[in-house]
Each structure stands twice: as C-alpha cells, then as structure tokens.
Protein backbone atom coordinates (compact mmCIF):
# COMPACT_ATOMS: atom_id res chain seq x y z
CA MET A 1 0.00 0.00 0.00
CA THR A 2 1.31 3.46 -0.90
CA GLU A 3 1.11 6.09 1.88
CA PRO A 4 -1.03 9.21 1.19
CA THR A 5 1.07 12.21 0.13
CA ARG A 6 0.53 15.52 1.97
CA THR A 7 0.77 18.82 0.12
CA ARG A 8 0.78 22.17 1.92
CA ARG A 9 -1.54 24.70 0.26
CA PRO A 10 -1.30 28.40 1.26
CA PHE A 11 -4.44 29.67 2.91
CA ASP A 12 -6.25 32.33 0.86
CA TRP A 13 -7.12 35.03 3.41
CA GLU A 14 -8.72 37.34 0.85
CA ALA A 15 -11.00 34.55 -0.37
CA ALA A 16 -11.94 33.88 3.24
CA GLY A 17 -12.78 37.57 3.61
CA GLU A 18 -14.92 37.44 0.49
CA GLU A 19 -16.82 34.42 1.79
CA LEU A 20 -17.49 36.18 5.08
CA GLY A 21 -18.26 39.44 3.28
CA ASP A 22 -21.15 37.79 1.47
CA THR A 23 -22.96 37.56 4.86
CA LEU A 24 -22.40 41.17 6.03
CA GLY A 25 -25.02 43.07 4.07
CA SER A 26 -26.63 44.53 7.20
CA TYR A 27 -23.43 46.15 8.51
CA HIS A 28 -22.17 49.66 7.75
CA MET A 29 -18.90 50.05 9.63
CA ILE A 30 -16.67 47.09 10.52
CA VAL A 31 -13.30 46.89 12.27
CA VAL A 32 -11.08 44.05 11.01
CA ALA A 33 -8.47 43.41 13.72
CA GLY A 34 -5.42 41.16 13.60
CA ALA A 35 -1.75 40.99 14.50
CA ASP A 36 -0.36 40.83 10.97
CA SER A 37 -0.84 43.78 8.59
CA VAL A 38 -0.79 41.57 5.48
CA THR A 39 -3.20 38.89 6.67
CA THR A 40 -5.57 41.41 8.25
CA GLY A 41 -5.45 43.64 5.18
CA ARG A 42 -6.30 40.75 2.88
CA VAL A 43 -9.35 39.82 4.94
CA ALA A 44 -10.49 43.47 4.97
CA VAL A 45 -10.02 43.76 1.21
CA GLY A 46 -11.92 40.51 0.65
CA ILE A 47 -14.88 41.72 2.71
CA ALA A 48 -14.85 45.08 0.92
CA ARG A 49 -14.61 43.57 -2.57
CA MET A 50 -17.55 41.26 -2.00
CA GLN A 51 -19.80 43.95 -0.55
CA SER A 52 -18.79 46.49 -3.23
CA LEU A 53 -20.62 44.39 -5.80
CA ASN A 54 -23.91 45.48 -4.18
CA ARG A 55 -23.18 48.92 -2.70
CA ARG A 56 -20.49 51.54 -2.25
CA VAL A 57 -17.69 50.48 0.07
CA ALA A 58 -14.56 52.17 1.43
CA VAL A 59 -11.72 50.13 2.95
CA GLY A 60 -9.26 51.98 5.20
CA ASP A 61 -5.81 51.17 6.58
CA LEU A 62 -5.16 51.94 10.26
CA PHE A 63 -1.91 49.99 10.39
CA ALA A 64 1.23 52.05 9.76
CA GLU A 65 0.89 50.37 6.38
CA SER A 66 -1.09 47.34 5.27
CA PRO A 67 0.32 46.28 1.88
CA PRO A 68 -2.91 44.69 0.53
CA ILE A 69 -4.73 47.98 1.02
CA ARG A 70 -1.87 50.19 -0.11
CA GLU A 71 -1.60 48.18 -3.33
CA LEU A 72 -5.15 49.22 -4.23
CA ILE A 73 -4.15 52.89 -4.34
CA GLN A 74 -2.52 54.16 -7.51
CA THR A 75 -1.14 57.51 -6.37
CA ASP A 76 2.02 59.00 -4.91
CA ASP A 77 0.06 61.25 -2.56
CA PRO A 78 0.96 60.03 0.96
CA HIS A 79 -2.02 61.58 2.79
CA GLY A 80 -4.46 59.26 4.50
CA ILE A 81 -6.74 58.70 7.47
CA VAL A 82 -4.23 60.10 9.97
CA ASP A 83 -4.06 63.40 8.08
CA SER A 84 -7.85 63.61 7.97
CA PHE A 85 -8.28 63.13 11.73
CA LEU A 86 -5.28 65.09 12.97
CA TYR A 87 -4.95 67.88 10.41
CA GLY A 88 -8.40 68.22 8.88
CA VAL A 89 -7.55 66.93 5.40
CA SER A 90 -10.85 66.22 3.69
CA LEU A 91 -11.76 62.58 3.21
CA SER A 92 -12.18 63.43 -0.44
CA ARG A 93 -8.41 63.91 -0.67
CA ILE A 94 -7.45 60.53 0.77
CA ALA A 95 -9.85 58.02 -0.79
CA TYR A 96 -9.36 56.61 -4.26
CA PRO A 97 -11.47 54.40 -6.55
CA VAL A 98 -10.23 50.85 -7.04
CA PRO A 99 -10.34 49.51 -10.62
CA GLY A 100 -12.46 46.46 -11.20
CA PRO A 101 -16.04 45.38 -10.63
CA GLY A 102 -18.11 47.02 -7.94
CA GLU A 103 -17.86 50.44 -6.28
CA LEU A 104 -14.79 50.08 -4.06
CA PHE A 105 -12.62 52.89 -2.67
CA ALA A 106 -9.44 52.66 -0.60
CA MET A 107 -7.81 54.92 2.02
CA GLN A 108 -4.21 54.53 3.17
CA SER A 109 -2.88 55.21 6.66
CA GLY A 110 -1.25 58.60 6.06
CA THR A 111 1.93 60.62 6.23
CA GLU A 112 2.80 59.34 9.70
CA PRO A 113 1.96 56.32 11.86
CA PRO A 114 -1.46 56.48 13.51
CA ASP A 115 -1.59 57.98 17.00
CA TYR A 116 -4.16 55.53 18.33
CA GLU A 117 -4.46 57.36 21.66
CA GLU A 118 -5.79 60.39 19.81
CA ILE A 119 -7.51 58.94 16.75
CA LEU A 120 -9.46 55.92 17.98
CA PRO A 121 -11.47 57.63 20.78
CA ASN A 122 -12.49 60.42 18.38
CA ARG A 123 -16.28 60.90 18.35
CA ARG A 124 -16.09 61.46 14.62
CA TRP A 125 -16.18 57.67 14.12
CA HIS A 126 -19.73 57.61 15.50
CA ARG A 127 -20.77 60.26 12.99
CA LEU A 128 -19.08 58.42 10.15
CA CYS A 129 -20.82 55.18 11.08
CA GLY A 130 -24.15 56.98 11.15
CA GLY A 131 -23.51 58.52 7.76
CA PHE A 132 -22.58 55.20 6.14
CA ARG A 133 -25.61 53.56 7.74
CA GLU A 134 -27.94 56.25 6.45
CA ALA A 135 -26.49 55.86 2.98
CA GLY A 136 -26.65 52.06 2.98
CA ALA A 137 -22.88 51.97 2.36
CA LEU A 138 -20.02 50.22 4.21
CA LEU A 139 -16.74 51.33 5.79
CA VAL A 140 -14.18 48.57 6.51
CA LEU A 141 -11.17 49.47 8.71
CA ALA A 142 -8.08 47.26 9.14
CA LEU A 143 -6.44 47.74 12.55
CA PRO A 144 -3.80 46.06 14.75
CA GLU A 145 -5.42 44.08 17.53
CA SER A 146 -2.96 45.60 20.01
CA ALA A 147 -3.90 49.22 19.23
CA PRO A 148 -4.71 51.24 22.37
CA HIS A 149 -8.38 52.22 22.55
CA ILE A 150 -9.38 49.66 19.95
CA GLU A 151 -12.53 49.13 21.99
CA ASP A 152 -13.57 52.75 21.36
CA LEU A 153 -13.42 52.25 17.61
CA VAL A 154 -15.24 48.91 17.81
CA ASN A 155 -17.98 50.48 19.94
CA ALA A 156 -18.40 53.26 17.38
CA ALA A 157 -18.69 50.67 14.62
CA ASP A 158 -21.16 47.81 14.20
CA GLY A 159 -18.57 45.39 15.57
CA ALA A 160 -15.28 43.63 14.85
CA VAL A 161 -14.02 40.78 12.69
CA LEU A 162 -11.04 39.05 14.32
CA VAL A 163 -8.33 37.56 12.11
CA ALA A 164 -6.32 34.43 12.96
CA ASP A 165 -5.66 34.25 16.70
CA ALA A 166 -6.50 37.89 17.43
CA ALA A 167 -8.12 38.35 20.85
CA PRO A 168 -8.07 42.01 21.94
CA PRO A 169 -8.66 41.85 25.72
CA THR A 170 -10.64 45.11 25.83
CA VAL A 171 -13.11 44.15 23.07
CA PRO A 172 -16.09 42.31 24.58
CA TYR A 173 -17.27 39.08 23.05
CA SER A 174 -20.64 40.63 22.27
CA ARG A 175 -18.99 43.07 19.85
CA VAL A 176 -17.33 40.34 17.77
CA ILE A 177 -19.13 39.80 14.46
CA ALA A 178 -17.01 36.89 13.25
CA ARG A 179 -13.57 35.31 13.30
CA VAL A 180 -11.57 34.36 10.21
CA ARG A 181 -9.04 31.68 11.10
CA GLU A 182 -7.02 29.22 9.08
CA PRO A 183 -8.68 25.84 9.72
CA ARG A 184 -6.14 23.30 10.89
CA MET A 185 -7.56 20.59 8.65
CA SER A 186 -7.41 22.78 5.56
CA ALA A 187 -3.67 23.31 5.96
CA THR A 188 -3.03 19.80 4.67
CA VAL A 189 -4.63 18.57 1.48
CA PHE A 190 -4.63 14.84 1.13
CA THR A 191 -3.82 13.52 -2.35
CA MET A 192 -4.79 9.84 -2.33
CA ALA A 193 -2.44 7.59 -4.36
CA THR A 194 -3.63 4.38 -6.07
CA VAL A 195 -3.91 1.55 -3.55
CA PRO A 196 -3.91 -1.94 -5.06
CA ASP A 197 -6.17 -4.60 -3.63
CA ALA A 198 -4.21 -6.24 -0.84
CA GLU A 199 -4.19 -9.89 -0.20
CA PRO A 200 -5.70 -10.92 3.13
CA GLY A 201 -2.99 -11.30 5.76
CA PRO A 202 -2.70 -14.19 8.10
CA GLY A 203 -5.83 -14.49 10.16
CA ASP A 204 -7.54 -11.76 8.12
CA SER A 205 -10.85 -13.25 7.10
CA THR A 206 -12.63 -9.92 6.32
CA PRO A 207 -14.09 -10.01 2.81
CA TRP A 208 -12.40 -7.57 0.38
CA TRP A 209 -15.63 -5.72 -0.35
CA LYS A 210 -16.13 -4.90 3.33
CA ARG A 211 -12.61 -3.50 3.52
CA ARG A 212 -13.26 -1.37 0.40
CA THR A 213 -16.56 -0.08 1.88
CA ALA A 214 -14.82 0.88 5.12
CA ALA A 215 -12.12 2.82 3.21
CA ILE A 216 -14.72 4.76 1.22
CA ALA A 217 -16.63 5.60 4.41
CA GLY A 218 -13.41 6.92 5.96
CA VAL A 219 -12.76 9.23 3.02
CA VAL A 220 -16.33 10.56 3.12
CA LEU A 221 -16.05 11.20 6.87
CA THR A 222 -12.80 13.10 6.35
CA MET A 223 -14.41 15.32 3.71
CA LEU A 224 -17.33 16.07 6.01
CA LEU A 225 -14.98 17.07 8.82
CA VAL A 226 -13.07 19.44 6.52
CA ALA A 227 -16.30 21.06 5.32
CA THR A 228 -17.51 21.44 8.91
CA GLY A 229 -14.23 23.02 9.94
CA LEU A 230 -14.41 25.56 7.13
CA TRP A 231 -17.99 26.47 7.97
CA LEU A 232 -17.22 26.95 11.67
CA ALA A 233 -14.17 29.04 10.85
CA TYR A 234 -15.93 31.50 8.53
CA ARG A 235 -19.48 31.79 9.82
CA PRO A 236 -20.46 34.82 11.87
CA LEU A 237 -20.96 34.00 15.54
CA ALA A 238 -24.57 33.06 16.15
CA ARG A 239 -24.82 35.10 19.36
CA THR A 240 -23.52 38.31 17.81
CA PRO A 241 -26.13 41.09 17.97
CA ARG A 242 -26.73 42.59 14.54
CA PRO A 243 -28.40 45.80 13.58
CA THR A 244 -32.10 45.10 13.45
CA THR A 245 -33.08 48.11 11.35
CA TYR A 246 -31.24 50.02 8.68
CA PRO A 247 -32.50 52.42 6.05
CA LYS A 248 -32.39 51.70 2.37
CA PRO A 249 -30.18 53.96 0.26
CA ASP A 250 -31.91 56.98 -1.24
CA THR A 251 -31.46 56.48 -4.97
CA THR A 252 -33.68 59.33 -6.06
CA GLN A 253 -32.27 62.56 -4.62
CA GLY A 254 -28.74 61.58 -3.71
CA ILE A 255 -29.07 61.70 0.10
CA GLY A 256 -27.51 58.28 0.24
CA ARG A 257 -24.46 59.14 -1.82
CA VAL A 258 -21.61 58.50 0.57
CA ILE A 259 -18.99 58.12 -2.13
CA ALA A 260 -18.99 60.05 -5.40
CA ALA A 261 -16.52 59.20 -8.14
CA THR A 262 -15.01 61.61 -10.63
CA GLY A 263 -17.17 61.90 -13.69
CA ASP A 264 -20.40 61.27 -11.78
CA THR A 265 -22.97 64.01 -11.62
CA THR A 266 -22.94 63.75 -7.82
CA ALA A 267 -21.09 65.93 -5.33
CA ARG A 268 -17.33 65.99 -4.94
CA SER A 269 -15.64 67.38 -1.84
CA GLY A 270 -12.09 68.14 -2.92
CA ALA A 271 -10.50 70.33 -5.51
CA ASP A 272 -8.38 67.52 -6.89
CA SER A 273 -10.28 64.53 -5.61
CA THR A 274 -10.96 61.37 -7.47
CA MET A 275 -13.44 60.28 -4.84
CA ALA A 276 -15.25 61.62 -1.81
CA VAL A 277 -16.53 59.93 1.30
CA ILE A 278 -19.37 62.14 2.41
CA ALA A 279 -21.61 61.35 5.35
CA ILE A 280 -24.70 63.57 5.00
CA PRO A 281 -26.95 63.92 8.04
CA HIS A 282 -30.64 63.70 7.31
CA VAL A 283 -32.76 66.85 7.31
CA VAL A 284 -34.15 66.98 10.84
CA ASN A 285 -37.22 69.12 10.05
CA PRO A 286 -38.68 67.75 6.79
CA THR A 287 -42.16 68.96 7.71
CA ASP A 288 -40.92 72.56 7.43
CA SER A 289 -40.09 72.23 3.75
CA ALA A 290 -43.29 73.91 2.59
CA ALA A 291 -42.67 77.01 4.72
CA ALA A 292 -38.90 77.14 4.26
CA ALA A 293 -37.12 80.43 3.64
CA ILE A 294 -35.59 79.18 0.44
CA PHE A 295 -34.93 82.45 -1.42
CA ALA A 296 -31.74 84.48 -1.08
CA VAL A 297 -29.62 86.87 -3.12
CA GLU A 298 -26.33 85.58 -4.47
CA LEU A 299 -23.84 88.44 -4.29
CA MET A 300 -20.70 86.94 -5.75
CA THR A 301 -18.66 83.77 -6.31
CA THR A 302 -15.01 83.72 -5.33
CA ASN A 303 -12.35 81.03 -5.52
CA THR A 304 -10.99 81.73 -2.03
CA GLN A 305 -12.57 81.65 1.40
CA ALA A 306 -10.65 84.80 2.28
CA GLY A 307 -12.44 86.63 -0.54
CA ALA A 308 -15.83 85.54 0.80
CA ILE A 309 -14.93 86.61 4.35
CA LEU A 310 -13.70 89.99 3.10
CA LYS A 311 -17.02 90.63 1.35
CA LEU A 312 -18.98 89.90 4.54
CA GLN A 313 -16.69 92.08 6.63
CA LYS A 314 -16.95 94.95 4.17
CA ASP A 315 -20.72 94.99 3.63
CA GLY A 316 -22.02 92.85 6.49
CA ALA A 317 -23.86 95.73 8.18
CA LYS A 318 -26.01 96.13 5.04
CA LEU A 319 -26.61 92.40 4.47
CA PRO A 320 -29.41 90.57 6.31
CA ALA A 321 -28.65 86.89 7.01
CA ALA A 322 -25.28 87.16 5.27
CA THR A 323 -23.35 83.93 4.75
CA PHE A 324 -21.22 82.00 2.31
CA ALA A 325 -21.12 78.36 1.23
CA PRO A 326 -18.38 76.27 -0.40
CA ILE A 327 -19.36 74.54 -3.64
CA MET A 328 -17.56 72.45 -6.25
CA ILE A 329 -17.28 73.82 -9.79
CA GLN A 330 -15.49 71.57 -12.32
CA GLY A 331 -13.55 69.87 -9.56
CA ALA A 332 -12.44 73.11 -7.84
CA ARG A 333 -13.72 74.62 -4.59
CA TRP A 334 -15.45 78.00 -4.85
CA TYR A 335 -17.41 80.11 -2.38
CA LYS A 336 -20.81 81.67 -2.96
CA VAL A 337 -21.62 84.76 -0.87
CA MET A 338 -25.35 85.19 -0.16
CA SER A 339 -27.73 87.36 1.79
CA GLY A 340 -31.34 87.03 2.86
CA ALA A 341 -33.72 84.21 3.79
CA TYR A 342 -37.25 84.55 2.47
CA ALA A 343 -40.21 82.28 1.86
CA ASN A 344 -41.43 84.58 -0.95
CA ARG A 345 -39.39 85.40 -4.03
CA ALA A 346 -40.77 88.94 -4.07
CA ASP A 347 -38.93 89.71 -0.82
CA ALA A 348 -35.66 88.44 -2.30
CA ASP A 349 -36.23 90.53 -5.44
CA SER A 350 -36.76 93.57 -3.24
CA LEU A 351 -33.49 92.91 -1.39
CA LEU A 352 -31.64 92.60 -4.68
CA VAL A 353 -32.93 95.97 -5.88
CA GLY A 354 -32.05 97.58 -2.55
CA LEU A 355 -28.49 96.25 -2.55
CA ARG A 356 -27.95 97.67 -6.04
CA ARG A 357 -29.21 101.05 -4.90
CA GLN A 358 -26.79 100.99 -1.97
CA ASN A 359 -23.94 100.11 -4.34
CA VAL A 360 -23.34 96.88 -2.48
CA LEU A 361 -23.89 95.32 -5.90
CA GLU A 362 -23.06 96.88 -9.23
CA ALA A 363 -25.90 97.35 -11.68
CA GLY A 364 -26.80 94.04 -13.28
CA ARG A 365 -24.83 92.03 -10.73
CA GLY A 366 -26.40 89.59 -8.27
CA SER A 367 -29.26 87.15 -8.68
CA VAL A 368 -32.03 85.50 -6.69
CA VAL A 369 -31.32 81.85 -5.88
CA GLN A 370 -33.10 79.03 -4.08
CA VAL A 371 -31.07 77.66 -1.15
CA PRO A 372 -33.39 75.77 1.20
CA PHE A 373 -30.78 74.06 3.41
CA ALA A 374 -28.50 75.26 6.19
CA PHE A 375 -26.72 73.85 9.22
CA LEU A 376 -28.25 74.61 12.62
CA LEU A 377 -25.56 75.43 15.19
CA ASP A 378 -27.76 76.52 18.09
CA SER A 379 -31.32 77.42 19.07
CA LEU A 380 -31.49 80.23 21.60
CA ALA A 381 -34.30 82.11 23.32
CA PRO A 382 -32.84 85.58 24.07
CA ALA A 383 -32.43 87.77 21.01
CA SER A 384 -30.19 90.13 22.96
CA ALA A 385 -27.31 87.64 22.87
CA ILE A 386 -27.42 87.11 19.12
CA PRO A 387 -25.40 90.11 17.82
CA ALA A 388 -22.42 89.29 20.03
CA MET A 389 -22.52 85.60 19.11
CA VAL A 390 -22.72 86.31 15.38
CA ALA A 391 -19.83 88.79 15.72
CA THR A 392 -17.74 86.16 17.53
CA TYR A 393 -18.31 83.68 14.70
CA ALA A 394 -17.55 86.38 12.12
CA ASP A 395 -14.22 87.13 13.80
CA ARG A 396 -13.32 83.46 13.25
CA GLY A 397 -14.34 83.69 9.60
CA GLU A 398 -17.40 81.44 10.01
CA PRO A 399 -20.54 82.30 7.97
CA VAL A 400 -23.07 82.33 10.82
CA TYR A 401 -26.34 84.27 10.85
CA ALA A 402 -29.59 84.27 12.82
CA LEU A 403 -33.25 83.77 11.92
CA ARG A 404 -36.08 84.56 14.34
CA GLN A 405 -38.61 81.74 14.80
CA VAL A 406 -42.35 82.14 15.38
CA ASN A 407 -41.92 81.03 19.02
CA GLY A 408 -39.45 83.86 19.65
CA LYS A 409 -36.33 81.72 19.65
CA MET A 410 -33.36 82.50 17.48
CA TRP A 411 -31.72 79.95 15.22
CA LEU A 412 -28.01 80.27 14.60
CA LEU A 413 -27.35 78.93 11.11
CA ALA A 414 -24.32 78.47 8.89
CA GLY A 415 -24.33 78.40 5.11
CA ALA A 416 -27.13 78.18 2.56
CA PHE A 417 -27.23 75.30 0.12
CA GLU A 418 -29.17 74.43 -2.99
CA THR A 419 -28.77 70.65 -2.67
CA LEU A 420 -27.79 68.04 -0.11
CA GLU A 421 -24.64 67.31 -2.09
CA GLN A 422 -23.56 70.95 -1.79
CA ALA A 423 -24.26 70.85 1.94
CA ALA A 424 -22.03 67.79 2.24
CA VAL A 425 -18.98 69.85 1.27
CA TYR A 426 -19.42 72.13 4.29
CA ALA A 427 -20.47 69.25 6.54
CA GLU A 428 -16.92 67.85 6.35
CA SER A 429 -15.54 71.18 7.62
CA LEU A 430 -17.94 71.12 10.57
CA ARG A 431 -16.95 67.57 11.46
CA ALA A 432 -13.28 68.45 11.32
CA SER A 433 -14.03 71.21 13.85
CA GLY A 434 -15.75 68.74 16.17
CA ILE A 435 -19.26 70.01 15.36
CA THR A 436 -22.01 67.53 14.54
CA PRO A 437 -23.71 68.75 11.35
CA VAL A 438 -27.46 69.24 11.86
CA LEU A 439 -29.03 69.89 8.50
CA VAL A 440 -32.32 71.81 8.45
CA TYR A 441 -34.69 73.56 6.11
CA ARG A 442 -34.05 77.27 6.66
CA LYS A 443 -37.02 78.96 8.25
CA GLY A 444 -37.80 82.15 10.16
CA ARG A 445 -37.35 85.88 9.60
CA THR A 446 -34.09 87.74 9.10
CA PHE A 447 -32.71 89.37 12.23
C-alpha cells in the first residue's frame, strides 16, 4: 500500500474575507483586527470587494501600512486617514477608486503612523458610522489588535471581525461579528495515491468488499470534517447582535451618496479629488419644507474663502442673514456669498434691488437663488445675545447668521445650500471642527 502524500496549500485570506463578506449586508462600519498587517489587510479587502458588488464600500488602513490595502491605491500622494483626523484633510483627498467590478474605494494610513491614543477615541467615528448607515454603504477598517483604545473604535462601529488568533482583551465578546481563522484541517490537502487490492494477511478473514466499503466511508467522513471546519471558521458567531433596522439607500435625490466618483454628476468634496466619502446627516425638520425660507440673493462667487470673508466684513452691516457656502465647480472649490432668507421670491427681489441702490452690488450684478438648506448650530431664546454671538463667529471667519422663529427663539445657522450634495462639502468642515452637522430647512425671519 502506498502512503497518502501531503501537500501544503497556502491559505487564501482574501477569499476567506470574500466568503465572510457575502454575509455582512446589514453592517455599515466594521473593524477588522489582527496581528499581521498583510493577513488582516487581505481579509479586509476581501470583505470590501464582495460587498462592493452590491453597494459603495470604502476600505481603510489603520496599520502604519497594510500592503494589501496600499496596493489598491494608484497615487504617490501620501495623505491618509491620519491626516484627515489630525490635520483636517478632507476625506475626499485621501480616498481613491479601485479599478475592477463594484464600487470600491481605498484609504491609506497617512503621512505618519497612527496615533491611536488620539484617533481611535475620536467621536467622529460615531458620525461616520451613522452617515454610512444612512447611505446604505459600508466602511471597513483594518487595525492592529494591540492598538490602544481599539474598543472605542469597535464600539463606534457595528462590531469587529477578528483575524487568525486575534483576541483584543478590551473588546467584549458581544462586539465580535465573526472570526476568520485558518482551519487546521485545511492546511493539509490529502492527495490519495492508487492503492492496489491487498491480499488478506494471516488471520484476516474480512471479505475484500467490506474493507473497500470501510475505506470509502473513511474518506467521506474526512471530507465532512473538513467542510464542517471551514464552515465553523468563517461563519459569523450566532450570538452576535446585529443591527435590526437600517435604512435603504436613497437612490432618487442623492441623500444616500456616501462616495462620489469623478465623472459622476454627484457631489465631490475636494479640488483635486478622485473620490469623496461624504456622510450627510438627514434633514431633521422635513415637515418645514413647505414654509422654508428658500430664497436668497447671491452676491458673488469667489475662488478663495478669504475673498468671501472679506465681502462679509466689508458689507455685512447692510446684508441681512449674510453667509457663504463652499461649492464644487469643475472639480475646484469656490465660495458663494449670499444674503437674505425669504419664503417669498418677491422679498428676495426687493433685497436685490435695494443692494444695487446701496452700491453693495453693481448694476446688473447679483441674482435671486433658491437655497433651502443650512446647518443649525444653536437654538437660543434671548435675542439680545445674538449680535455678540454672530460677531464672535464672524471674527473666526465662520458664515453664521440668525433667523427669528415664530416662538421667539433665534436659530443660529451656517451656510445656505441648494442641494444636499452641496451641503455635504461644508459638513466635512464642521466635522473636522468637532461640530455635529445638523441639516435643516431654513425657516424664520431675518434678524
């Protein structure tokens, strides 16, 4: 009898990630944690590739460098997640489309190793997770299992996938979605050589057909054990709590567009971006849309924020509800300076005529626009405090103004936007400043 030969076959971690990824359609932000940057990165890429066939997915590297993720990025620009969190670089500058099927985007670590003590506890992760969930998209983050404060990132996300023997002591079992581990039985593939029929030995009275049946049964049992091992290794843990509700992506008005590629007609958030990861908060007062103060006067468009600030400082005393808003024009960031907030177009037309008479606008310059959206920064009762607060924001170059509500309260608002995609550009600036963007329909009277 010839002994079975044993051949070692490398374990395909990316394929394992793809198999697991096929089961993760209800998740929107996942931490993939492991000790090895290559193995962990391959699992993260596999999950992201599989899910990108059905929705938009971004995979990010929180190792100093994970080669499988870095290889997806075809650019010499070194900026990445670290630069976004520490220095305010827009996510649109660090995420790049990955060639191939699906809608997959990749983000590298950055210009310096991640400072986990500062980055992982950042509350911005909670906002990002909410934005991806609202959009029906997915963010996959590869991270060393030993990273300090890993539990903060996992708690902000929908949970963690552990790779190989990873067992972060601070991550509770209830937050583990699944484990991807190389099955011991799959490490050795048995190649069965031809076994000739053996003659019965001394005292061996077992019929040959019974011996053949027993050998076949043994092979079948071995195959079943291998299949069982693979299933147990890849399947999500049965006791893992999963999100029970999640909204469907908005495919009609773009509210669910978390990632917009160059060449799309959707919003882009960087002057030289090839992709943007934009988490747009939902409009918190949709019932106010019919009474919204959507009309304003557009005074000018400038290609620098300093130019917009200068205009407000120069003519601010003559401009009710004066503000500016960043927009993207042919891939470049511009700033629109606007004044007024009216539910009736006639009031905006009257403001336009008045500003021309005061020489704030030259004859023929300016136009009435519809900008229903703004970001609500605060809702205050005393009107006496408003001028000082608006002046404080103005000194910092922030386009804040006030509208008086029917109940007497004052809304402090920033910006005025025609679409949700335009609002998303300014939302990233608010998040970088630690402010949670609260998008509203503008309403109320100018103050």
